[in-house]
Amino acid sequence: MRTLSKRSEFLAANRGLRFPMPGFVLLVRQRGDADDAMGIGYTVSKKVGNAVTRNRMKRRLRELCRAALPESGISGADHVLIGRPGGNDIVFAELGEQLDSALTRAAKKLAR
């Protein structure tokens, strides 16, 4: 799994599929190259809160992906998680269920 770091990668993912959930929005985009590695990126805007709140949200999103993406992630695709306001108030287990649900929906949509 590789981490997205360039702005162009995030903009490309934004042109992909979008799966909104109460705690975050999942963006998924097939890269179309020969590499099967999954890409993952995180973004949390200032609308979510101050720096402490944003960093806490990013830590939670990273841990969610660390647990869920190896089994449920889509190989050869870039995944971007965008934190939403109130995401820190949601129980961590519920966020995990939301991510599993979003990844399942993404896999079904990309399989077509």
N, C-alpha and C. Protein backbone atom coordinates (compact mmCIF):
# COMPACT_ATOMS: atom_id res chain seq x y z
N MET A 1 0.85 -1.17 0.00
CA MET A 1 0.00 0.00 0.00
C MET A 1 0.89 1.23 0.00
N ARG A 2 0.56 2.17 -0.87
CA ARG A 2 1.37 3.39 -0.95
C ARG A 2 0.51 4.59 -0.56
N THR A 3 1.14 5.61 -0.04
CA THR A 3 0.44 6.81 0.40
C THR A 3 0.47 7.85 -0.70
N LEU A 4 -0.68 8.43 -0.99
CA LEU A 4 -0.75 9.51 -1.98
C LEU A 4 -0.18 10.77 -1.36
N SER A 5 0.65 11.48 -2.12
CA SER A 5 1.26 12.67 -1.55
C SER A 5 1.17 13.87 -2.49
N LYS A 6 0.97 13.64 -3.78
CA LYS A 6 0.93 14.75 -4.73
C LYS A 6 -0.50 15.25 -4.94
N ARG A 7 -0.62 16.53 -5.12
CA ARG A 7 -1.93 17.13 -5.34
C ARG A 7 -2.62 16.53 -6.56
N SER A 8 -1.85 16.25 -7.60
CA SER A 8 -2.42 15.69 -8.83
C SER A 8 -3.07 14.32 -8.57
N GLU A 9 -2.53 13.54 -7.65
CA GLU A 9 -3.13 12.24 -7.32
C GLU A 9 -4.48 12.42 -6.62
N PHE A 10 -4.56 13.41 -5.75
CA PHE A 10 -5.83 13.69 -5.07
C PHE A 10 -6.86 14.22 -6.05
N LEU A 11 -6.45 15.08 -6.98
CA LEU A 11 -7.37 15.61 -7.98
C LEU A 11 -7.86 14.51 -8.91
N ALA A 12 -6.98 13.57 -9.26
CA ALA A 12 -7.39 12.45 -10.10
C ALA A 12 -8.40 11.57 -9.37
N ALA A 13 -8.18 11.33 -8.09
CA ALA A 13 -9.11 10.52 -7.29
C ALA A 13 -10.47 11.21 -7.19
N ASN A 14 -10.47 12.53 -7.18
CA ASN A 14 -11.72 13.28 -7.10
C ASN A 14 -12.59 13.08 -8.33
N ARG A 15 -11.98 12.69 -9.45
CA ARG A 15 -12.75 12.42 -10.67
C ARG A 15 -13.30 11.00 -10.69
N GLY A 16 -13.00 10.21 -9.66
CA GLY A 16 -13.46 8.83 -9.59
C GLY A 16 -14.82 8.72 -8.92
N LEU A 17 -15.08 7.54 -8.37
CA LEU A 17 -16.35 7.27 -7.70
C LEU A 17 -16.34 7.87 -6.30
N ARG A 18 -17.53 8.28 -5.84
CA ARG A 18 -17.67 8.97 -4.57
C ARG A 18 -18.70 8.24 -3.73
N PHE A 19 -18.34 7.90 -2.48
CA PHE A 19 -19.23 7.18 -1.58
C PHE A 19 -19.32 7.94 -0.26
N PRO A 20 -20.34 8.81 -0.10
CA PRO A 20 -20.46 9.58 1.14
C PRO A 20 -21.00 8.74 2.29
N MET A 21 -20.42 8.93 3.45
CA MET A 21 -20.84 8.29 4.69
C MET A 21 -20.95 9.38 5.76
N PRO A 22 -21.60 9.11 6.88
CA PRO A 22 -21.74 10.16 7.90
C PRO A 22 -20.41 10.69 8.44
N GLY A 23 -19.38 9.85 8.56
CA GLY A 23 -18.12 10.28 9.16
C GLY A 23 -17.06 10.71 8.17
N PHE A 24 -17.21 10.31 6.90
CA PHE A 24 -16.20 10.60 5.89
C PHE A 24 -16.81 10.39 4.50
N VAL A 25 -16.03 10.78 3.49
CA VAL A 25 -16.39 10.50 2.10
C VAL A 25 -15.25 9.66 1.53
N LEU A 26 -15.59 8.55 0.89
CA LEU A 26 -14.58 7.70 0.27
C LEU A 26 -14.57 7.97 -1.23
N LEU A 27 -13.40 8.29 -1.76
CA LEU A 27 -13.21 8.44 -3.20
C LEU A 27 -12.39 7.25 -3.68
N VAL A 28 -12.82 6.61 -4.76
CA VAL A 28 -12.09 5.47 -5.32
C VAL A 28 -11.94 5.69 -6.80
N ARG A 29 -10.72 5.48 -7.30
CA ARG A 29 -10.44 5.63 -8.73
C ARG A 29 -9.48 4.55 -9.17
N GLN A 30 -9.88 3.78 -10.17
CA GLN A 30 -8.97 2.81 -10.79
C GLN A 30 -7.88 3.58 -11.52
N ARG A 31 -6.63 3.23 -11.28
CA ARG A 31 -5.53 3.93 -11.93
C ARG A 31 -5.35 3.48 -13.37
N GLY A 32 -5.59 2.22 -13.65
CA GLY A 32 -5.45 1.73 -15.02
C GLY A 32 -4.01 1.42 -15.42
N ASP A 33 -3.10 1.38 -14.47
CA ASP A 33 -1.73 0.99 -14.79
C ASP A 33 -1.51 -0.47 -14.39
N ALA A 34 -0.35 -0.99 -14.62
CA ALA A 34 -0.07 -2.40 -14.34
C ALA A 34 0.19 -2.67 -12.86
N ASP A 35 0.34 -1.63 -12.07
CA ASP A 35 0.65 -1.78 -10.65
C ASP A 35 -0.61 -2.17 -9.87
N ASP A 36 -0.53 -3.27 -9.09
CA ASP A 36 -1.67 -3.72 -8.29
C ASP A 36 -1.70 -3.12 -6.89
N ALA A 37 -0.71 -2.31 -6.55
CA ALA A 37 -0.66 -1.72 -5.21
C ALA A 37 -1.80 -0.72 -5.03
N MET A 38 -2.36 -0.71 -3.81
CA MET A 38 -3.41 0.25 -3.49
C MET A 38 -2.79 1.56 -3.06
N GLY A 39 -3.39 2.65 -3.46
CA GLY A 39 -2.97 3.96 -3.00
C GLY A 39 -3.98 4.47 -1.98
N ILE A 40 -3.50 5.15 -0.95
CA ILE A 40 -4.39 5.68 0.07
C ILE A 40 -3.98 7.10 0.42
N GLY A 41 -4.98 7.97 0.54
CA GLY A 41 -4.74 9.35 0.92
C GLY A 41 -5.79 9.81 1.90
N TYR A 42 -5.44 10.80 2.71
CA TYR A 42 -6.34 11.32 3.74
C TYR A 42 -6.35 12.83 3.62
N THR A 43 -7.52 13.41 3.79
CA THR A 43 -7.60 14.86 3.82
C THR A 43 -8.73 15.28 4.77
N VAL A 44 -8.43 16.29 5.55
CA VAL A 44 -9.41 16.83 6.50
C VAL A 44 -9.28 18.35 6.43
N SER A 45 -10.35 19.03 6.04
CA SER A 45 -10.28 20.48 5.84
C SER A 45 -10.47 21.22 7.16
N LYS A 46 -10.25 22.53 7.11
CA LYS A 46 -10.40 23.37 8.30
C LYS A 46 -11.85 23.48 8.74
N LYS A 47 -12.80 23.09 7.88
CA LYS A 47 -14.21 23.10 8.26
C LYS A 47 -14.49 22.10 9.39
N VAL A 48 -13.63 21.08 9.51
CA VAL A 48 -13.82 20.05 10.52
C VAL A 48 -13.48 20.58 11.91
N GLY A 49 -12.49 21.45 12.00
CA GLY A 49 -12.13 22.00 13.31
C GLY A 49 -10.71 22.52 13.32
N ASN A 50 -10.19 22.71 14.52
CA ASN A 50 -8.83 23.22 14.66
C ASN A 50 -7.80 22.10 14.37
N ALA A 51 -6.53 22.41 14.49
CA ALA A 51 -5.48 21.47 14.12
C ALA A 51 -5.53 20.19 14.94
N VAL A 52 -5.85 20.30 16.23
CA VAL A 52 -5.91 19.13 17.09
C VAL A 52 -7.03 18.19 16.62
N THR A 53 -8.17 18.76 16.30
CA THR A 53 -9.32 17.98 15.84
C THR A 53 -9.03 17.33 14.50
N ARG A 54 -8.42 18.09 13.59
CA ARG A 54 -8.10 17.54 12.25
C ARG A 54 -7.09 16.41 12.36
N ASN A 55 -6.07 16.58 13.18
CA ASN A 55 -5.06 15.54 13.32
C ASN A 55 -5.65 14.28 13.96
N ARG A 56 -6.55 14.46 14.92
CA ARG A 56 -7.20 13.30 15.53
C ARG A 56 -8.02 12.55 14.49
N MET A 57 -8.72 13.28 13.63
CA MET A 57 -9.52 12.66 12.57
C MET A 57 -8.62 11.89 11.62
N LYS A 58 -7.50 12.48 11.24
CA LYS A 58 -6.57 11.79 10.32
C LYS A 58 -6.00 10.52 10.95
N ARG A 59 -5.69 10.57 12.24
CA ARG A 59 -5.18 9.37 12.93
C ARG A 59 -6.23 8.26 12.92
N ARG A 60 -7.49 8.63 13.17
CA ARG A 60 -8.57 7.64 13.16
C ARG A 60 -8.75 7.05 11.76
N LEU A 61 -8.70 7.89 10.72
CA LEU A 61 -8.85 7.41 9.34
C LEU A 61 -7.70 6.47 8.96
N ARG A 62 -6.48 6.84 9.37
CA ARG A 62 -5.33 5.98 9.07
C ARG A 62 -5.48 4.61 9.71
N GLU A 63 -5.94 4.58 10.95
CA GLU A 63 -6.10 3.30 11.65
C GLU A 63 -7.21 2.47 11.02
N LEU A 64 -8.28 3.12 10.60
CA LEU A 64 -9.36 2.41 9.90
C LEU A 64 -8.83 1.73 8.64
N CYS A 65 -8.06 2.47 7.87
CA CYS A 65 -7.53 1.93 6.61
C CYS A 65 -6.52 0.83 6.87
N ARG A 66 -5.71 0.98 7.91
CA ARG A 66 -4.73 -0.04 8.24
C ARG A 66 -5.42 -1.37 8.52
N ALA A 67 -6.61 -1.32 9.11
CA ALA A 67 -7.34 -2.54 9.45
C ALA A 67 -8.16 -3.09 8.29
N ALA A 68 -8.78 -2.21 7.50
CA ALA A 68 -9.77 -2.67 6.51
C ALA A 68 -9.22 -2.85 5.10
N LEU A 69 -8.31 -2.01 4.67
CA LEU A 69 -7.90 -2.05 3.26
C LEU A 69 -7.18 -3.33 2.82
N PRO A 70 -6.34 -3.96 3.63
CA PRO A 70 -5.70 -5.18 3.13
C PRO A 70 -6.69 -6.25 2.68
N GLU A 71 -7.85 -6.38 3.35
CA GLU A 71 -8.83 -7.39 2.95
C GLU A 71 -9.86 -6.84 1.98
N SER A 72 -10.36 -5.65 2.21
CA SER A 72 -11.50 -5.13 1.46
C SER A 72 -11.13 -4.12 0.39
N GLY A 73 -9.91 -3.64 0.38
CA GLY A 73 -9.52 -2.62 -0.58
C GLY A 73 -9.49 -3.14 -2.01
N ILE A 74 -9.54 -2.24 -2.95
CA ILE A 74 -9.56 -2.57 -4.37
C ILE A 74 -8.14 -2.44 -4.91
N SER A 75 -7.58 -3.55 -5.38
CA SER A 75 -6.20 -3.51 -5.85
C SER A 75 -6.13 -2.72 -7.15
N GLY A 76 -5.05 -1.97 -7.30
CA GLY A 76 -4.86 -1.15 -8.49
C GLY A 76 -5.67 0.13 -8.48
N ALA A 77 -6.19 0.51 -7.32
CA ALA A 77 -7.02 1.72 -7.22
C ALA A 77 -6.45 2.65 -6.15
N ASP A 78 -6.77 3.92 -6.31
CA ASP A 78 -6.44 4.92 -5.30
C ASP A 78 -7.67 5.16 -4.45
N HIS A 79 -7.49 5.17 -3.14
CA HIS A 79 -8.56 5.43 -2.18
C HIS A 79 -8.23 6.72 -1.45
N VAL A 80 -9.19 7.64 -1.35
CA VAL A 80 -9.00 8.87 -0.60
C VAL A 80 -10.14 8.99 0.40
N LEU A 81 -9.80 9.22 1.65
CA LEU A 81 -10.80 9.44 2.69
C LEU A 81 -10.79 10.92 3.07
N ILE A 82 -11.96 11.53 2.97
CA ILE A 82 -12.13 12.94 3.32
C ILE A 82 -12.93 13.00 4.60
N GLY A 83 -12.33 13.52 5.65
CA GLY A 83 -13.01 13.63 6.95
C GLY A 83 -14.14 14.65 6.90
N ARG A 84 -15.23 14.33 7.59
CA ARG A 84 -16.38 15.22 7.65
C ARG A 84 -16.55 15.77 9.07
N PRO A 85 -17.18 16.95 9.18
CA PRO A 85 -17.45 17.48 10.53
C PRO A 85 -18.29 16.49 11.33
N GLY A 86 -17.93 16.29 12.57
CA GLY A 86 -18.64 15.35 13.43
C GLY A 86 -18.10 13.94 13.35
N GLY A 87 -17.12 13.70 12.51
CA GLY A 87 -16.55 12.36 12.36
C GLY A 87 -15.85 11.86 13.62
N ASN A 88 -15.32 12.79 14.40
CA ASN A 88 -14.65 12.40 15.64
C ASN A 88 -15.63 11.98 16.73
N ASP A 89 -16.89 12.39 16.59
CA ASP A 89 -17.91 12.05 17.59
C ASP A 89 -18.50 10.67 17.37
N ILE A 90 -18.24 10.08 16.21
CA ILE A 90 -18.78 8.75 15.89
C ILE A 90 -17.89 7.69 16.51
N VAL A 91 -18.50 6.66 17.05
CA VAL A 91 -17.76 5.55 17.67
C VAL A 91 -16.87 4.90 16.61
N PHE A 92 -15.65 4.53 17.00
CA PHE A 92 -14.67 3.99 16.07
C PHE A 92 -15.18 2.73 15.36
N ALA A 93 -15.86 1.84 16.08
CA ALA A 93 -16.38 0.61 15.48
C ALA A 93 -17.41 0.94 14.40
N GLU A 94 -18.20 1.96 14.63
CA GLU A 94 -19.21 2.37 13.63
C GLU A 94 -18.53 2.93 12.39
N LEU A 95 -17.45 3.68 12.58
CA LEU A 95 -16.69 4.17 11.42
C LEU A 95 -16.13 3.01 10.61
N GLY A 96 -15.68 1.96 11.30
CA GLY A 96 -15.19 0.77 10.61
C GLY A 96 -16.27 0.11 9.78
N GLU A 97 -17.48 0.03 10.32
CA GLU A 97 -18.61 -0.54 9.57
C GLU A 97 -18.93 0.32 8.36
N GLN A 98 -18.86 1.64 8.53
CA GLN A 98 -19.12 2.54 7.40
C GLN A 98 -18.08 2.35 6.30
N LEU A 99 -16.82 2.19 6.69
CA LEU A 99 -15.77 1.98 5.69
C LEU A 99 -15.96 0.66 4.96
N ASP A 100 -16.30 -0.40 5.69
CA ASP A 100 -16.56 -1.69 5.05
C ASP A 100 -17.72 -1.59 4.07
N SER A 101 -18.77 -0.89 4.46
CA SER A 101 -19.93 -0.71 3.60
C SER A 101 -19.55 0.06 2.33
N ALA A 102 -18.79 1.13 2.50
CA ALA A 102 -18.37 1.95 1.35
C ALA A 102 -17.47 1.15 0.41
N LEU A 103 -16.54 0.37 0.97
CA LEU A 103 -15.65 -0.43 0.13
C LEU A 103 -16.42 -1.52 -0.62
N THR A 104 -17.42 -2.11 0.02
CA THR A 104 -18.25 -3.12 -0.64
C THR A 104 -19.01 -2.49 -1.80
N ARG A 105 -19.59 -1.32 -1.57
CA ARG A 105 -20.31 -0.62 -2.64
C ARG A 105 -19.38 -0.26 -3.79
N ALA A 106 -18.16 0.16 -3.45
CA ALA A 106 -17.19 0.53 -4.48
C ALA A 106 -16.79 -0.68 -5.31
N ALA A 107 -16.56 -1.81 -4.66
CA ALA A 107 -16.16 -3.02 -5.38
C ALA A 107 -17.27 -3.47 -6.33
N LYS A 108 -18.53 -3.39 -5.88
CA LYS A 108 -19.65 -3.77 -6.74
C LYS A 108 -19.76 -2.86 -7.96
N LYS A 109 -19.58 -1.56 -7.71
CA LYS A 109 -19.71 -0.58 -8.80
C LYS A 109 -18.57 -0.72 -9.81
N LEU A 110 -17.37 -1.00 -9.33
CA LEU A 110 -16.22 -1.14 -10.23
C LEU A 110 -16.23 -2.47 -10.97
N ALA A 111 -16.94 -3.47 -10.44
CA ALA A 111 -17.00 -4.78 -11.08
C ALA A 111 -17.87 -4.75 -12.34
N ARG A 112 -18.73 -3.77 -12.45
CA ARG A 112 -19.60 -3.68 -13.63
C ARG A 112 -18.87 -3.38 -14.88
